[in-house]
Amino acid sequence: MTPKQIYAVMKEAGFPPAVATTMTAIALRESGGVPSAFNGNEATGDRSFGLLQINMKSPEVAALITKTLRITDEKQLLDPLLNARAGFVLYGGKRANLNVAWYIDRPGVYKDRYEKHLAAAQAAALESV
């Protein structure tokens, strides 16, 4: 998906514009914009799905996502809009949660790779106005 397409999905999922921009950069970092991305490396603690790489390995996260979004199969998170809605659930209206779930403010590789995609996300947001 293009940054503009990802931004539109994030907005449709309920993110306010500034956070939709952040989530677009996260999606580009996490999946390269590929909705079917899956990381099943149990050794690294991953069972992560879709654009935002929603990690369902944690029983708490899995329960929250499946209950809130009424999904019956984790593979449903490969749908871009459902994946964005899962991200919206994890965001919970608190920017601090973005750092907990996606480490956007943690110095090092996570922050660097997020910032690498931020300009494309910002351009997508501006194109969508």
N, C-alpha and C. Protein backbone atom coordinates (compact mmCIF):
# COMPACT_ATOMS: atom_id res chain seq x y z
N MET A 1 0.84 -1.18 0.00
CA MET A 1 0.00 0.00 0.00
C MET A 1 0.88 1.24 0.00
N THR A 2 0.38 2.28 -0.59
CA THR A 2 1.12 3.54 -0.59
C THR A 2 0.92 4.24 0.75
N PRO A 3 1.80 5.17 1.09
CA PRO A 3 1.58 5.93 2.32
C PRO A 3 0.21 6.61 2.35
N LYS A 4 -0.23 7.14 1.21
CA LYS A 4 -1.53 7.81 1.16
C LYS A 4 -2.67 6.82 1.45
N GLN A 5 -2.58 5.62 0.91
CA GLN A 5 -3.59 4.60 1.18
C GLN A 5 -3.59 4.20 2.66
N ILE A 6 -2.40 4.05 3.21
CA ILE A 6 -2.29 3.68 4.63
C ILE A 6 -2.88 4.78 5.50
N TYR A 7 -2.54 6.02 5.20
CA TYR A 7 -3.07 7.16 5.96
C TYR A 7 -4.60 7.15 5.94
N ALA A 8 -5.19 6.89 4.77
CA ALA A 8 -6.65 6.86 4.66
C ALA A 8 -7.25 5.76 5.52
N VAL A 9 -6.60 4.61 5.57
CA VAL A 9 -7.08 3.51 6.41
C VAL A 9 -6.98 3.88 7.88
N MET A 10 -5.90 4.53 8.27
CA MET A 10 -5.74 4.93 9.67
C MET A 10 -6.82 5.93 10.07
N LYS A 11 -7.12 6.86 9.20
CA LYS A 11 -8.20 7.82 9.47
C LYS A 11 -9.53 7.09 9.58
N GLU A 12 -9.79 6.16 8.68
CA GLU A 12 -11.05 5.41 8.71
C GLU A 12 -11.17 4.59 9.99
N ALA A 13 -10.05 4.14 10.53
CA ALA A 13 -10.07 3.36 11.77
C ALA A 13 -10.35 4.23 12.99
N GLY A 14 -10.28 5.56 12.82
CA GLY A 14 -10.63 6.45 13.92
C GLY A 14 -9.51 7.32 14.46
N PHE A 15 -8.30 7.16 13.94
CA PHE A 15 -7.19 7.97 14.44
C PHE A 15 -7.37 9.43 14.03
N PRO A 16 -7.11 10.38 14.95
CA PRO A 16 -7.09 11.79 14.56
C PRO A 16 -5.95 12.02 13.56
N PRO A 17 -6.03 13.07 12.74
CA PRO A 17 -5.04 13.27 11.68
C PRO A 17 -3.57 13.17 12.11
N ALA A 18 -3.19 13.82 13.19
CA ALA A 18 -1.78 13.78 13.61
C ALA A 18 -1.36 12.37 13.99
N VAL A 19 -2.24 11.64 14.64
CA VAL A 19 -1.91 10.27 15.05
C VAL A 19 -1.97 9.34 13.84
N ALA A 20 -2.87 9.62 12.89
CA ALA A 20 -2.91 8.82 11.65
C ALA A 20 -1.59 8.95 10.91
N THR A 21 -0.99 10.11 10.96
CA THR A 21 0.33 10.31 10.34
C THR A 21 1.36 9.44 11.04
N THR A 22 1.36 9.48 12.37
CA THR A 22 2.28 8.65 13.15
C THR A 22 2.08 7.18 12.82
N MET A 23 0.81 6.74 12.77
CA MET A 23 0.52 5.34 12.51
C MET A 23 0.92 4.94 11.09
N THR A 24 0.86 5.86 10.16
CA THR A 24 1.31 5.57 8.79
C THR A 24 2.81 5.30 8.80
N ALA A 25 3.57 6.12 9.51
CA ALA A 25 5.02 5.89 9.60
C ALA A 25 5.31 4.57 10.31
N ILE A 26 4.53 4.26 11.34
CA ILE A 26 4.71 2.97 12.04
C ILE A 26 4.45 1.82 11.08
N ALA A 27 3.36 1.91 10.31
CA ALA A 27 3.04 0.83 9.36
C ALA A 27 4.14 0.65 8.32
N LEU A 28 4.69 1.76 7.85
CA LEU A 28 5.78 1.66 6.88
C LEU A 28 7.00 1.02 7.51
N ARG A 29 7.27 1.34 8.76
CA ARG A 29 8.40 0.74 9.46
C ARG A 29 8.15 -0.74 9.73
N GLU A 30 6.98 -1.06 10.22
CA GLU A 30 6.70 -2.42 10.68
C GLU A 30 6.52 -3.43 9.55
N SER A 31 5.82 -3.04 8.49
CA SER A 31 5.46 -4.01 7.45
C SER A 31 5.88 -3.59 6.05
N GLY A 32 6.47 -2.40 5.94
CA GLY A 32 6.78 -1.89 4.61
C GLY A 32 5.52 -1.56 3.81
N GLY A 33 4.39 -1.44 4.52
CA GLY A 33 3.13 -1.15 3.86
C GLY A 33 2.47 -2.38 3.24
N VAL A 34 2.92 -3.56 3.64
CA VAL A 34 2.39 -4.81 3.10
C VAL A 34 1.35 -5.38 4.08
N PRO A 35 0.07 -5.35 3.71
CA PRO A 35 -0.98 -5.81 4.63
C PRO A 35 -0.84 -7.28 5.04
N SER A 36 -0.27 -8.11 4.17
CA SER A 36 -0.16 -9.54 4.46
C SER A 36 1.09 -9.90 5.26
N ALA A 37 1.83 -8.91 5.72
CA ALA A 37 3.06 -9.18 6.47
C ALA A 37 2.75 -9.99 7.72
N PHE A 38 3.56 -10.99 7.98
CA PHE A 38 3.42 -11.82 9.17
C PHE A 38 4.80 -12.17 9.70
N ASN A 39 4.99 -12.00 10.99
CA ASN A 39 6.22 -12.40 11.66
C ASN A 39 5.84 -13.42 12.71
N GLY A 40 6.16 -14.67 12.45
CA GLY A 40 5.83 -15.73 13.39
C GLY A 40 7.05 -16.27 14.12
N ASN A 41 8.05 -15.44 14.33
CA ASN A 41 9.28 -15.87 15.00
C ASN A 41 9.06 -15.95 16.50
N GLU A 42 8.67 -17.10 16.98
CA GLU A 42 8.40 -17.29 18.41
C GLU A 42 9.65 -17.03 19.26
N ALA A 43 10.83 -17.26 18.68
CA ALA A 43 12.08 -17.05 19.43
C ALA A 43 12.26 -15.59 19.83
N THR A 44 11.70 -14.68 19.03
CA THR A 44 11.81 -13.25 19.35
C THR A 44 10.54 -12.71 20.00
N GLY A 45 9.62 -13.62 20.30
CA GLY A 45 8.39 -13.20 20.95
C GLY A 45 7.37 -12.63 20.00
N ASP A 46 7.41 -13.07 18.74
CA ASP A 46 6.52 -12.50 17.74
C ASP A 46 5.49 -13.50 17.22
N ARG A 47 4.30 -13.01 17.07
CA ARG A 47 3.22 -13.59 16.29
C ARG A 47 2.43 -12.38 15.81
N SER A 48 3.08 -11.64 14.90
CA SER A 48 2.65 -10.30 14.53
C SER A 48 2.05 -10.27 13.14
N PHE A 49 0.93 -9.54 13.02
CA PHE A 49 0.12 -9.57 11.81
C PHE A 49 -0.06 -8.18 11.20
N GLY A 50 0.01 -8.12 9.87
CA GLY A 50 -0.46 -6.99 9.11
C GLY A 50 0.37 -5.73 9.13
N LEU A 51 -0.27 -4.66 8.66
CA LEU A 51 0.38 -3.36 8.51
C LEU A 51 1.11 -2.92 9.76
N LEU A 52 0.43 -3.00 10.89
CA LEU A 52 1.01 -2.50 12.15
C LEU A 52 1.71 -3.59 12.95
N GLN A 53 1.78 -4.79 12.38
CA GLN A 53 2.41 -5.92 13.07
C GLN A 53 1.84 -6.08 14.49
N ILE A 54 0.53 -6.25 14.56
CA ILE A 54 -0.15 -6.46 15.84
C ILE A 54 0.31 -7.81 16.39
N ASN A 55 0.99 -7.77 17.53
CA ASN A 55 1.58 -8.99 18.11
C ASN A 55 0.56 -9.66 19.03
N MET A 56 0.12 -10.82 18.62
CA MET A 56 -0.90 -11.56 19.35
C MET A 56 -0.33 -12.60 20.29
N LYS A 57 0.97 -12.57 20.50
CA LYS A 57 1.58 -13.55 21.40
C LYS A 57 1.19 -13.29 22.86
N SER A 58 1.03 -12.05 23.24
CA SER A 58 0.63 -11.72 24.60
C SER A 58 -0.83 -12.12 24.81
N PRO A 59 -1.12 -12.94 25.80
CA PRO A 59 -2.52 -13.33 26.05
C PRO A 59 -3.42 -12.11 26.34
N GLU A 60 -2.87 -11.10 26.99
CA GLU A 60 -3.65 -9.90 27.31
C GLU A 60 -4.02 -9.13 26.04
N VAL A 61 -3.04 -8.95 25.17
CA VAL A 61 -3.30 -8.24 23.91
C VAL A 61 -4.27 -9.06 23.05
N ALA A 62 -4.02 -10.36 22.95
CA ALA A 62 -4.89 -11.21 22.14
C ALA A 62 -6.33 -11.16 22.64
N ALA A 63 -6.51 -11.22 23.94
CA ALA A 63 -7.87 -11.17 24.51
C ALA A 63 -8.53 -9.83 24.23
N LEU A 64 -7.79 -8.75 24.42
CA LEU A 64 -8.33 -7.41 24.18
C LEU A 64 -8.76 -7.24 22.72
N ILE A 65 -7.88 -7.62 21.82
CA ILE A 65 -8.16 -7.44 20.39
C ILE A 65 -9.31 -8.34 19.95
N THR A 66 -9.28 -9.61 20.31
CA THR A 66 -10.33 -10.52 19.85
C THR A 66 -11.69 -10.15 20.43
N LYS A 67 -11.70 -9.74 21.69
CA LYS A 67 -12.98 -9.36 22.31
C LYS A 67 -13.51 -8.05 21.73
N THR A 68 -12.65 -7.05 21.66
CA THR A 68 -13.09 -5.72 21.21
C THR A 68 -13.52 -5.73 19.75
N LEU A 69 -12.76 -6.41 18.91
CA LEU A 69 -13.04 -6.41 17.47
C LEU A 69 -13.85 -7.62 17.02
N ARG A 70 -14.12 -8.52 17.95
CA ARG A 70 -14.92 -9.73 17.67
C ARG A 70 -14.33 -10.54 16.52
N ILE A 71 -13.03 -10.74 16.58
CA ILE A 71 -12.42 -11.59 15.56
C ILE A 71 -12.35 -13.02 16.07
N THR A 72 -12.39 -13.95 15.15
CA THR A 72 -12.35 -15.37 15.51
C THR A 72 -11.07 -16.05 15.05
N ASP A 73 -10.31 -15.37 14.23
CA ASP A 73 -9.07 -15.92 13.70
C ASP A 73 -8.06 -14.78 13.58
N GLU A 74 -6.88 -14.97 14.15
CA GLU A 74 -5.85 -13.92 14.11
C GLU A 74 -5.54 -13.47 12.68
N LYS A 75 -5.69 -14.35 11.72
CA LYS A 75 -5.38 -14.01 10.33
C LYS A 75 -6.30 -12.90 9.80
N GLN A 76 -7.42 -12.67 10.48
CA GLN A 76 -8.29 -11.57 10.08
C GLN A 76 -7.54 -10.23 10.21
N LEU A 77 -6.49 -10.20 11.03
CA LEU A 77 -5.71 -8.97 11.21
C LEU A 77 -4.87 -8.63 9.99
N LEU A 78 -4.90 -9.48 8.98
CA LEU A 78 -4.22 -9.15 7.72
C LEU A 78 -5.06 -8.21 6.87
N ASP A 79 -6.31 -8.01 7.25
CA ASP A 79 -7.15 -7.01 6.60
C ASP A 79 -6.68 -5.63 7.07
N PRO A 80 -6.34 -4.72 6.15
CA PRO A 80 -5.77 -3.44 6.56
C PRO A 80 -6.65 -2.64 7.53
N LEU A 81 -7.94 -2.57 7.27
CA LEU A 81 -8.81 -1.79 8.16
C LEU A 81 -8.95 -2.44 9.53
N LEU A 82 -9.10 -3.74 9.57
CA LEU A 82 -9.20 -4.42 10.86
C LEU A 82 -7.90 -4.29 11.64
N ASN A 83 -6.77 -4.35 10.93
CA ASN A 83 -5.47 -4.18 11.56
C ASN A 83 -5.35 -2.77 12.15
N ALA A 84 -5.79 -1.78 11.38
CA ALA A 84 -5.74 -0.40 11.87
C ALA A 84 -6.66 -0.23 13.08
N ARG A 85 -7.80 -0.88 13.06
CA ARG A 85 -8.71 -0.80 14.21
C ARG A 85 -8.08 -1.47 15.44
N ALA A 86 -7.34 -2.54 15.23
CA ALA A 86 -6.62 -3.16 16.35
C ALA A 86 -5.58 -2.18 16.90
N GLY A 87 -4.89 -1.48 16.00
CA GLY A 87 -3.95 -0.46 16.44
C GLY A 87 -4.64 0.65 17.21
N PHE A 88 -5.84 1.00 16.78
CA PHE A 88 -6.61 2.03 17.47
C PHE A 88 -6.98 1.57 18.89
N VAL A 89 -7.31 0.31 19.03
CA VAL A 89 -7.61 -0.24 20.36
C VAL A 89 -6.37 -0.14 21.25
N LEU A 90 -5.21 -0.50 20.73
CA LEU A 90 -3.98 -0.43 21.52
C LEU A 90 -3.60 1.01 21.83
N TYR A 91 -3.85 1.91 20.91
CA TYR A 91 -3.59 3.34 21.13
C TYR A 91 -4.44 3.87 22.28
N GLY A 92 -5.71 3.53 22.31
CA GLY A 92 -6.59 3.89 23.42
C GLY A 92 -6.68 5.38 23.70
N GLY A 93 -6.40 6.22 22.70
CA GLY A 93 -6.50 7.65 22.89
C GLY A 93 -5.31 8.27 23.62
N LYS A 94 -4.27 7.49 23.85
CA LYS A 94 -3.10 7.98 24.60
C LYS A 94 -1.83 7.81 23.78
N ARG A 95 -1.23 8.93 23.42
CA ARG A 95 0.00 8.87 22.62
C ARG A 95 1.09 8.02 23.30
N ALA A 96 1.14 8.04 24.61
CA ALA A 96 2.15 7.26 25.33
C ALA A 96 2.05 5.77 24.99
N ASN A 97 0.85 5.31 24.68
CA ASN A 97 0.68 3.89 24.34
C ASN A 97 1.37 3.53 23.04
N LEU A 98 1.59 4.52 22.17
CA LEU A 98 2.30 4.25 20.91
C LEU A 98 3.74 3.87 21.19
N ASN A 99 4.32 4.45 22.22
CA ASN A 99 5.68 4.09 22.59
C ASN A 99 5.73 2.73 23.25
N VAL A 100 4.70 2.39 23.99
CA VAL A 100 4.65 1.07 24.64
C VAL A 100 4.53 -0.02 23.57
N ALA A 101 3.62 0.17 22.63
CA ALA A 101 3.35 -0.86 21.62
C ALA A 101 4.36 -0.87 20.47
N TRP A 102 4.87 0.30 20.09
CA TRP A 102 5.72 0.38 18.90
C TRP A 102 7.06 1.09 19.11
N TYR A 103 7.38 1.49 20.34
CA TYR A 103 8.70 2.06 20.67
C TYR A 103 9.11 3.24 19.80
N ILE A 104 8.18 4.14 19.51
CA ILE A 104 8.53 5.24 18.60
C ILE A 104 9.43 6.30 19.23
N ASP A 105 9.48 6.34 20.55
CA ASP A 105 10.33 7.33 21.23
C ASP A 105 11.57 6.71 21.86
N ARG A 106 11.72 5.41 21.74
CA ARG A 106 12.88 4.74 22.34
C ARG A 106 14.10 4.94 21.44
N PRO A 107 15.15 5.56 21.97
CA PRO A 107 16.34 5.79 21.15
C PRO A 107 16.88 4.48 20.58
N GLY A 108 17.36 4.57 19.37
CA GLY A 108 17.93 3.39 18.72
C GLY A 108 17.20 3.04 17.44
N VAL A 109 17.28 1.78 17.06
CA VAL A 109 16.81 1.34 15.75
C VAL A 109 15.30 1.55 15.56
N TYR A 110 14.49 1.32 16.59
CA TYR A 110 13.04 1.50 16.41
C TYR A 110 12.70 2.95 16.09
N LYS A 111 13.25 3.86 16.87
CA LYS A 111 12.98 5.28 16.65
C LYS A 111 13.57 5.75 15.31
N ASP A 112 14.79 5.31 15.03
CA ASP A 112 15.44 5.71 13.78
C ASP A 112 14.64 5.26 12.56
N ARG A 113 14.16 4.03 12.58
CA ARG A 113 13.40 3.51 11.44
C ARG A 113 12.03 4.17 11.35
N TYR A 114 11.43 4.51 12.49
CA TYR A 114 10.16 5.25 12.49
C TYR A 114 10.38 6.62 11.85
N GLU A 115 11.41 7.33 12.31
CA GLU A 115 11.68 8.67 11.79
C GLU A 115 12.03 8.65 10.30
N LYS A 116 12.63 7.57 9.84
CA LYS A 116 12.96 7.43 8.41
C LYS A 116 11.70 7.49 7.55
N HIS A 117 10.59 6.99 8.06
CA HIS A 117 9.34 6.93 7.30
C HIS A 117 8.40 8.11 7.59
N LEU A 118 8.77 8.96 8.52
CA LEU A 118 7.88 10.04 8.93
C LEU A 118 7.61 11.05 7.82
N ALA A 119 8.60 11.39 7.02
CA ALA A 119 8.40 12.36 5.94
C ALA A 119 7.38 11.86 4.92
N ALA A 120 7.45 10.58 4.57
CA ALA A 120 6.48 10.02 3.62
C ALA A 120 5.08 10.03 4.22
N ALA A 121 4.98 9.75 5.51
CA ALA A 121 3.69 9.78 6.19
C ALA A 121 3.12 11.19 6.24
N GLN A 122 3.98 12.16 6.52
CA GLN A 122 3.53 13.56 6.56
C GLN A 122 3.09 14.03 5.18
N ALA A 123 3.80 13.63 4.15
CA ALA A 123 3.42 14.00 2.78
C ALA A 123 2.06 13.39 2.43
N ALA A 124 1.84 12.15 2.85
CA ALA A 124 0.55 11.49 2.60
C ALA A 124 -0.59 12.24 3.28
N ALA A 125 -0.33 12.70 4.50
CA ALA A 125 -1.35 13.46 5.24
C ALA A 125 -1.66 14.77 4.53
N LEU A 126 -0.62 15.45 4.06
CA LEU A 126 -0.83 16.72 3.35
C LEU A 126 -1.58 16.52 2.03
N GLU A 127 -1.31 15.44 1.34
CA GLU A 127 -2.00 15.14 0.09
C GLU A 127 -3.48 14.85 0.33
N SER A 128 -3.79 14.41 1.53
CA SER A 128 -5.16 13.99 1.84
C SER A 128 -6.04 15.12 2.34
N VAL A 129 -5.47 16.31 2.49
CA VAL A 129 -6.25 17.44 3.01
C VAL A 129 -7.15 18.01 1.93
